[in-house]
PDB file of N, CA and C in Angstrom:
ATOM      1  N   MET A   1      98.481  72.241  96.858  1.00  0.00           N
ATOM      2  CA  MET A   1      99.236  72.452  95.635  1.00  0.00           C
ATOM      3  C   MET A   1      98.560  74.170  95.206  1.00  0.00           C
ATOM      4  N   THR A   2      99.752  75.044  94.915  1.00  0.00           N
ATOM      5  CA  THR A   2      99.208  76.317  94.782  1.00  0.00           C
ATOM      6  C   THR A   2      99.736  76.217  93.134  1.00  0.00           C
ATOM      7  N   THR A   3      98.597  77.072  92.986  1.00  0.00           N
ATOM      8  CA  THR A   3      98.446  77.397  91.333  1.00  0.00           C
ATOM      9  C   THR A   3      98.499  78.651  90.991  1.00  0.00           C
ATOM     10  N   ARG A   4      99.519  79.334  90.239  1.00  0.00           N
ATOM     11  CA  ARG A   4      99.943  80.653  89.925  1.00  0.00           C
ATOM     12  C   ARG A   4      99.552  81.160  88.474  1.00  0.00           C
ATOM     13  N   ILE A   5      98.779  82.264  88.299  1.00  0.00           N
ATOM     14  CA  ILE A   5      98.331  82.873  87.145  1.00  0.00           C
ATOM     15  C   ILE A   5      99.100  84.151  87.201  1.00  0.00           C
ATOM     16  N   ASN A   6      99.312  84.590  85.827  1.00  0.00           N
ATOM     17  CA  ASN A   6     100.053  85.737  85.590  1.00  0.00           C
ATOM     18  C   ASN A   6      98.775  87.029  85.725  1.00  0.00           C
ATOM     19  N   THR A   7      99.360  88.154  85.932  1.00  0.00           N
ATOM     20  CA  THR A   7      98.574  89.070  86.536  1.00  0.00           C
ATOM     21  C   THR A   7      97.340  89.472  85.449  1.00  0.00           C
ATOM     22  N   GLU A   8      97.897  89.384  83.942  1.00  0.00           N
ATOM     23  CA  GLU A   8      96.982  89.780  83.024  1.00  0.00           C
ATOM     24  C   GLU A   8      95.788  88.880  83.280  1.00  0.00           C
ATOM     25  N   THR A   9      95.866  87.413  83.415  1.00  0.00           N
ATOM     26  CA  THR A   9      94.838  86.399  83.489  1.00  0.00           C
ATOM     27  C   THR A   9      93.908  86.775  84.910  1.00  0.00           C
ATOM     28  N   ALA A  10      94.655  87.403  85.918  1.00  0.00           N
ATOM     29  CA  ALA A  10      93.957  87.518  86.975  1.00  0.00           C
ATOM     30  C   ALA A  10      93.226  88.606  86.813  1.00  0.00           C
ATOM     31  N   ASN A  11      93.565  89.665  86.309  1.00  0.00           N
ATOM     32  CA  ASN A  11      92.788  91.036  85.743  1.00  0.00           C
ATOM     33  C   ASN A  11      91.914  90.714  84.969  1.00  0.00           C
ATOM     34  N   LYS A  12      91.695  89.994  83.892  1.00  0.00           N
ATOM     35  CA  LYS A  12      90.510  89.179  82.977  1.00  0.00           C
ATOM     36  C   LYS A  12      89.572  88.624  83.823  1.00  0.00           C
ATOM     37  N   ILE A  13      89.917  87.799  84.823  1.00  0.00           N
ATOM     38  CA  ILE A  13      89.003  87.124  85.775  1.00  0.00           C
ATOM     39  C   ILE A  13      88.207  87.862  86.441  1.00  0.00           C
ATOM     40  N   ALA A  14      88.978  88.574  87.264  1.00  0.00           N
ATOM     41  CA  ALA A  14      88.527  90.177  88.032  1.00  0.00           C
ATOM     42  C   ALA A  14      87.491  90.689  87.255  1.00  0.00           C
ATOM     43  N   GLU A  15      87.643  91.183  85.920  1.00  0.00           N
ATOM     44  CA  GLU A  15      86.957  91.687  85.295  1.00  0.00           C
ATOM     45  C   GLU A  15      85.735  91.236  84.858  1.00  0.00           C
ATOM     46  N   LEU A  16      85.680  90.037  84.440  1.00  0.00           N
ATOM     47  CA  LEU A  16      84.668  89.273  84.250  1.00  0.00           C
ATOM     48  C   LEU A  16      83.585  89.071  85.565  1.00  0.00           C
ATOM     49  N   PHE A  17      84.212  88.880  86.772  1.00  0.00           N
ATOM     50  CA  PHE A  17      83.363  88.518  87.857  1.00  0.00           C
ATOM     51  C   PHE A  17      82.828  89.873  87.826  1.00  0.00           C
ATOM     52  N   ASN A  18      83.267  91.123  87.991  1.00  0.00           N
ATOM     53  CA  ASN A  18      82.785  92.194  88.098  1.00  0.00           C
ATOM     54  C   ASN A  18      81.460  92.502  87.015  1.00  0.00           C
ATOM     55  N   THR A  19      81.897  92.482  85.624  1.00  0.00           N
ATOM     56  CA  THR A  19      80.565  92.289  85.038  1.00  0.00           C
ATOM     57  C   THR A  19      79.627  91.577  85.016  1.00  0.00           C
ATOM     58  N   VAL A  20      79.800  90.285  85.838  1.00  0.00           N
ATOM     59  CA  VAL A  20      78.425  89.391  85.938  1.00  0.00           C
ATOM     60  C   VAL A  20      77.894  90.467  87.061  1.00  0.00           C
ATOM     61  N   LEU A  21      78.534  90.854  87.973  1.00  0.00           N
ATOM     62  CA  LEU A  21      77.983  91.642  89.124  1.00  0.00           C
ATOM     63  C   LEU A  21      76.807  92.615  88.958  1.00  0.00           C
ATOM     64  N   VAL A  22      77.772  93.343  88.156  1.00  0.00           N
ATOM     65  CA  VAL A  22      77.243  94.721  87.513  1.00  0.00           C
ATOM     66  C   VAL A  22      75.929  94.648  86.882  1.00  0.00           C
ATOM     67  N   TRP A  23      75.816  93.683  85.749  1.00  0.00           N
ATOM     68  CA  TRP A  23      74.729  93.415  84.678  1.00  0.00           C
ATOM     69  C   TRP A  23      73.838  92.727  85.886  1.00  0.00           C
ATOM     70  N   GLU A  24      74.059  91.893  86.620  1.00  0.00           N
ATOM     71  CA  GLU A  24      73.023  91.117  87.346  1.00  0.00           C
ATOM     72  C   GLU A  24      72.304  92.286  88.405  1.00  0.00           C
ATOM     73  N   ASP A  25      73.083  93.140  89.007  1.00  0.00           N
ATOM     74  CA  ASP A  25      72.473  94.156  89.762  1.00  0.00           C
ATOM     75  C   ASP A  25      71.600  95.367  88.744  1.00  0.00           C
ATOM     76  N   MET A  26      72.166  95.381  87.647  1.00  0.00           N
ATOM     77  CA  MET A  26      71.032  96.118  86.938  1.00  0.00           C
ATOM     78  C   MET A  26      70.017  95.433  86.323  1.00  0.00           C
ATOM     79  N   ALA A  27      70.158  94.232  85.881  1.00  0.00           N
ATOM     80  CA  ALA A  27      68.839  93.392  85.610  1.00  0.00           C
ATOM     81  C   ALA A  27      67.850  93.510  87.053  1.00  0.00           C
ATOM     82  N   LYS A  28      68.437  93.196  88.058  1.00  0.00           N
ATOM     83  CA  LYS A  28      67.525  93.174  89.370  1.00  0.00           C
ATOM     84  C   LYS A  28      66.899  94.699  89.556  1.00  0.00           C
ATOM     85  N   ASN A  29      67.563  95.404  89.479  1.00  0.00           N
ATOM     86  CA  ASN A  29      67.099  97.048  89.113  1.00  0.00           C
ATOM     87  C   ASN A  29      66.071  97.235  88.064  1.00  0.00           C
ATOM     88  N   ALA A  30      66.156  97.143  87.096  1.00  0.00           N
ATOM     89  CA  ALA A  30      65.276  96.969  86.009  1.00  0.00           C
ATOM     90  C   ALA A  30      64.101  96.174  86.327  1.00  0.00           C
ATOM     91  N   LEU A  31      64.173  95.178  86.915  1.00  0.00           N
ATOM     92  CA  LEU A  31      63.014  94.368  87.309  1.00  0.00           C
ATOM     93  C   LEU A  31      62.220  94.862  88.270  1.00  0.00           C
ATOM     94  N   GLU A  32      62.815  95.465  89.165  1.00  0.00           N
ATOM     95  CA  GLU A  32      62.109  95.944  90.528  1.00  0.00           C
ATOM     96  C   GLU A  32      61.271  97.485  89.830  1.00  0.00           C
ATOM     97  N   ARG A  33      61.878  98.130  88.551  1.00  0.00           N
ATOM     98  CA  ARG A  33      61.106  99.009  88.225  1.00  0.00           C
ATOM     99  C   ARG A  33      60.029  98.594  87.211  1.00  0.00           C
ATOM    100  N   GLY A  34      59.807  97.512  87.003  1.00  0.00           N
ATOM    101  CA  GLY A  34      59.011  96.949  85.799  1.00  0.00           C
ATOM    102  C   GLY A  34      59.182  96.922  84.685  1.00  0.00           C
ATOM    103  N   ASP A  35      60.537  97.145  84.190  1.00  0.00           N
ATOM    104  CA  ASP A  35      60.921  97.128  82.820  1.00  0.00           C
ATOM    105  C   ASP A  35      61.594  95.763  82.528  1.00  0.00           C
ATOM    106  N   LEU A  36      60.862  95.051  82.064  1.00  0.00           N
ATOM    107  CA  LEU A  36      61.261  93.432  81.556  1.00  0.00           C
ATOM    108  C   LEU A  36      62.331  93.450  80.540  1.00  0.00           C
ATOM    109  N   GLU A  37      61.677  94.398  79.525  1.00  0.00           N
ATOM    110  CA  GLU A  37      62.926  94.339  78.268  1.00  0.00           C
ATOM    111  C   GLU A  37      64.238  94.620  78.933  1.00  0.00           C
ATOM    112  N   GLN A  38      64.387  95.573  79.468  1.00  0.00           N
ATOM    113  CA  GLN A  38      65.507  95.948  80.358  1.00  0.00           C
ATOM    114  C   GLN A  38      66.295  95.199  80.925  1.00  0.00           C
ATOM    115  N   HIS A  39      65.352  94.213  81.685  1.00  0.00           N
ATOM    116  CA  HIS A  39      65.836  93.356  82.627  1.00  0.00           C
ATOM    117  C   HIS A  39      66.428  92.111  81.561  1.00  0.00           C
ATOM    118  N   LYS A  40      65.549  91.631  80.676  1.00  0.00           N
ATOM    119  CA  LYS A  40      66.127  90.808  79.917  1.00  0.00           C
ATOM    120  C   LYS A  40      67.425  90.740  79.424  1.00  0.00           C
ATOM    121  N   ARG A  41      67.812  92.156  78.723  1.00  0.00           N
ATOM    122  CA  ARG A  41      68.754  92.556  78.089  1.00  0.00           C
ATOM    123  C   ARG A  41      69.900  92.616  79.103  1.00  0.00           C
ATOM    124  N   ASN A  42      69.686  93.220  80.190  1.00  0.00           N
ATOM    125  CA  ASN A  42      70.801  93.057  81.267  1.00  0.00           C
ATOM    126  C   ASN A  42      71.226  91.437  81.774  1.00  0.00           C
ATOM    127  N   ARG A  43      70.373  90.526  81.904  1.00  0.00           N
ATOM    128  CA  ARG A  43      70.762  89.339  82.164  1.00  0.00           C
ATOM    129  C   ARG A  43      71.630  88.584  81.283  1.00  0.00           C
ATOM    130  N   ARG A  44      70.863  88.961  79.690  1.00  0.00           N
ATOM    131  CA  ARG A  44      71.953  88.513  78.558  1.00  0.00           C
ATOM    132  C   ARG A  44      73.321  88.843  79.111  1.00  0.00           C
ATOM    133  N   MET A  45      73.721  89.916  79.081  1.00  0.00           N
ATOM    134  CA  MET A  45      74.998  90.606  79.179  1.00  0.00           C
ATOM    135  C   MET A  45      75.894  89.856  80.364  1.00  0.00           C
ATOM    136  N   ALA A  46      75.021  89.824  81.633  1.00  0.00           N
ATOM    137  CA  ALA A  46      75.498  88.989  82.532  1.00  0.00           C
ATOM    138  C   ALA A  46      75.739  87.336  82.206  1.00  0.00           C
ATOM    139  N   ASP A  47      74.847  86.891  81.533  1.00  0.00           N
ATOM    140  CA  ASP A  47      75.049  85.404  80.923  1.00  0.00           C
ATOM    141  C   ASP A  47      76.400  85.503  80.142  1.00  0.00           C
ATOM    142  N   ASP A  48      76.427  86.334  79.417  1.00  0.00           N
ATOM    143  CA  ASP A  48      77.680  86.079  78.574  1.00  0.00           C
ATOM    144  C   ASP A  48      79.033  86.246  79.140  1.00  0.00           C
ATOM    145  N   ALA A  49      78.935  87.238  80.245  1.00  0.00           N
ATOM    146  CA  ALA A  49      80.233  87.027  80.977  1.00  0.00           C
ATOM    147  C   ALA A  49      80.256  85.650  81.922  1.00  0.00           C
ATOM    148  N   LEU A  50      78.974  85.323  82.342  1.00  0.00           N
ATOM    149  CA  LEU A  50      79.379  83.917  83.174  1.00  0.00           C
ATOM    150  C   LEU A  50      79.830  82.712  82.281  1.00  0.00           C
ATOM    151  N   MET A  51      79.279  82.761  80.988  1.00  0.00           N
ATOM    152  CA  MET A  51      79.818  82.065  79.792  1.00  0.00           C
ATOM    153  C   MET A  51      81.229  81.951  79.516  1.00  0.00           C
ATOM    154  N   GLU A  52      81.863  83.294  79.593  1.00  0.00           N
ATOM    155  CA  GLU A  52      83.114  83.575  79.203  1.00  0.00           C
ATOM    156  C   GLU A  52      83.783  83.094  80.585  1.00  0.00           C
ATOM    157  N   LEU A  53      83.490  83.414  81.296  1.00  0.00           N
ATOM    158  CA  LEU A  53      84.203  82.705  82.688  1.00  0.00           C
ATOM    159  C   LEU A  53      84.360  81.215  82.457  1.00  0.00           C
ATOM    160  N   ASP A  54      83.507  80.527  82.361  1.00  0.00           N
ATOM    161  CA  ASP A  54      83.567  79.194  81.968  1.00  0.00           C
ATOM    162  C   ASP A  54      84.466  78.758  80.858  1.00  0.00           C
ATOM    163  N   GLN A  55      84.058  79.198  79.705  1.00  0.00           N
ATOM    164  CA  GLN A  55      84.669  78.682  78.530  1.00  0.00           C
ATOM    165  C   GLN A  55      86.146  78.857  78.662  1.00  0.00           C
ATOM    166  N   GLU A  56      86.491  80.204  79.099  1.00  0.00           N
ATOM    167  CA  GLU A  56      87.873  80.668  78.835  1.00  0.00           C
ATOM    168  C   GLU A  56      88.685  80.302  79.941  1.00  0.00           C
ATOM    169  N   PHE A  57      87.955  80.154  81.286  1.00  0.00           N
ATOM    170  CA  PHE A  57      89.046  79.926  82.571  1.00  0.00           C
ATOM    171  C   PHE A  57      88.486  78.516  82.992  1.00  0.00           C
ATOM    172  N   GLY A  58      87.352  77.984  82.807  1.00  0.00           N
ATOM    173  CA  GLY A  58      86.920  76.903  83.619  1.00  0.00           C
ATOM    174  C   GLY A  58      86.205  76.949  84.799  1.00  0.00           C
ATOM    175  N   ILE A  59      86.058  78.430  84.942  1.00  0.00           N
ATOM    176  CA  ILE A  59      85.402  78.894  86.465  1.00  0.00           C
ATOM    177  C   ILE A  59      83.805  79.108  86.330  1.00  0.00           C
ATOM    178  N   GLU A  60      83.302  77.649  86.806  1.00  0.00           N
ATOM    179  CA  GLU A  60      81.948  77.321  86.824  1.00  0.00           C
ATOM    180  C   GLU A  60      81.223  78.086  88.284  1.00  0.00           C
ATOM    181  N   LEU A  61      80.131  78.953  88.088  1.00  0.00           N
ATOM    182  CA  LEU A  61      79.559  79.534  89.120  1.00  0.00           C
ATOM    183  C   LEU A  61      78.300  78.571  89.229  1.00  0.00           C
ATOM    184  N   PRO A  62      77.735  78.878  90.367  1.00  0.00           N
ATOM    185  CA  PRO A  62      76.467  78.050  90.527  1.00  0.00           C
ATOM    186  C   PRO A  62      75.251  78.067  89.622  1.00  0.00           C
ATOM    187  N   HIS A  63      75.491  79.317  88.891  1.00  0.00           N
ATOM    188  CA  HIS A  63      74.276  80.033  88.021  1.00  0.00           C
ATOM    189  C   HIS A  63      74.667  79.787  86.962  1.00  0.00           C
ATOM    190  N   THR A  64      75.784  79.212  86.363  1.00  0.00           N
ATOM    191  CA  THR A  64      76.615  79.363  84.881  1.00  0.00           C
ATOM    192  C   THR A  64      75.310  78.374  84.209  1.00  0.00           C
ATOM    193  N   VAL A  65      75.007  77.138  84.640  1.00  0.00           N
ATOM    194  CA  VAL A  65      74.087  75.938  83.843  1.00  0.00           C
ATOM    195  C   VAL A  65      73.067  77.370  83.772  1.00  0.00           C
ATOM    196  N   HIS A  66      72.208  77.674  84.073  1.00  0.00           N
ATOM    197  CA  HIS A  66      71.212  78.536  84.146  1.00  0.00           C
ATOM    198  C   HIS A  66      71.228  79.390  82.833  1.00  0.00           C
ATOM    199  N   ALA A  67      72.569  79.988  82.783  1.00  0.00           N
ATOM    200  CA  ALA A  67      73.094  81.109  81.701  1.00  0.00           C
ATOM    201  C   ALA A  67      72.823  80.354  80.702  1.00  0.00           C
ATOM    202  N   TYR A  68      73.569  79.295  80.509  1.00  0.00           N
ATOM    203  CA  TYR A  68      73.684  78.505  79.411  1.00  0.00           C
ATOM    204  C   TYR A  68      72.348  78.318  78.710  1.00  0.00           C
ATOM    205  N   ARG A  69      71.358  77.647  79.602  1.00  0.00           N
ATOM    206  CA  ARG A  69      70.111  77.412  79.272  1.00  0.00           C
ATOM    207  C   ARG A  69      69.416  78.680  78.598  1.00  0.00           C
ATOM    208  N   ARG A  70      69.568  79.768  79.292  1.00  0.00           N
ATOM    209  CA  ARG A  70      68.763  81.064  78.500  1.00  0.00           C
ATOM    210  C   ARG A  70      69.511  81.353  77.361  1.00  0.00           C
ATOM    211  N   TRP A  71      70.732  81.114  77.354  1.00  0.00           N
ATOM    212  CA  TRP A  71      71.543  81.610  75.968  1.00  0.00           C
ATOM    213  C   TRP A  71      71.162  80.893  74.904  1.00  0.00           C
ATOM    214  N   PHE A  72      70.727  79.336  75.229  1.00  0.00           N
ATOM    215  CA  PHE A  72      70.389  78.371  73.957  1.00  0.00           C
ATOM    216  C   PHE A  72      69.027  78.657  73.762  1.00  0.00           C
ATOM    217  N   LYS A  73      68.149  79.249  74.594  1.00  0.00           N
ATOM    218  CA  LYS A  73      66.531  79.929  74.247  1.00  0.00           C
ATOM    219  C   LYS A  73      66.869  81.155  73.327  1.00  0.00           C
ATOM    220  N   ARG A  74      67.779  81.782  73.381  1.00  0.00           N
ATOM    221  CA  ARG A  74      67.694  83.001  72.672  1.00  0.00           C
ATOM    222  C   ARG A  74      67.301  83.013  71.086  1.00  0.00           C
ATOM    223  N   GLY A  75      67.769  81.698  70.422  1.00  0.00           N
ATOM    224  CA  GLY A  75      67.635  81.549  69.037  1.00  0.00           C
ATOM    225  C   GLY A  75      65.893  81.071  68.951  1.00  0.00           C
ATOM    226  N   GLU A  76      65.076  80.733  69.900  1.00  0.00           N
ATOM    227  CA  GLU A  76      63.908  80.391  69.695  1.00  0.00           C
ATOM    228  C   GLU A  76      62.935  81.487  69.567  1.00  0.00           C
TER     229      GLU A  76
END
């Protein structure tokens, strides 16, 4: 079975995947520099993009569950 999506949807999905990868890479770099606050901020941005992929398009990556857990802990 083939599923077709329009170009606008495909571009949005690609943009969100890219966003996740960029912010996760920036978080890793901040951690390597020892900048824990920047690491946390960058992880939050990656988590937000992961959750948007899941909520808007139903695309759940293996670490989406961890993103949700971190998101819920933000209020604590």
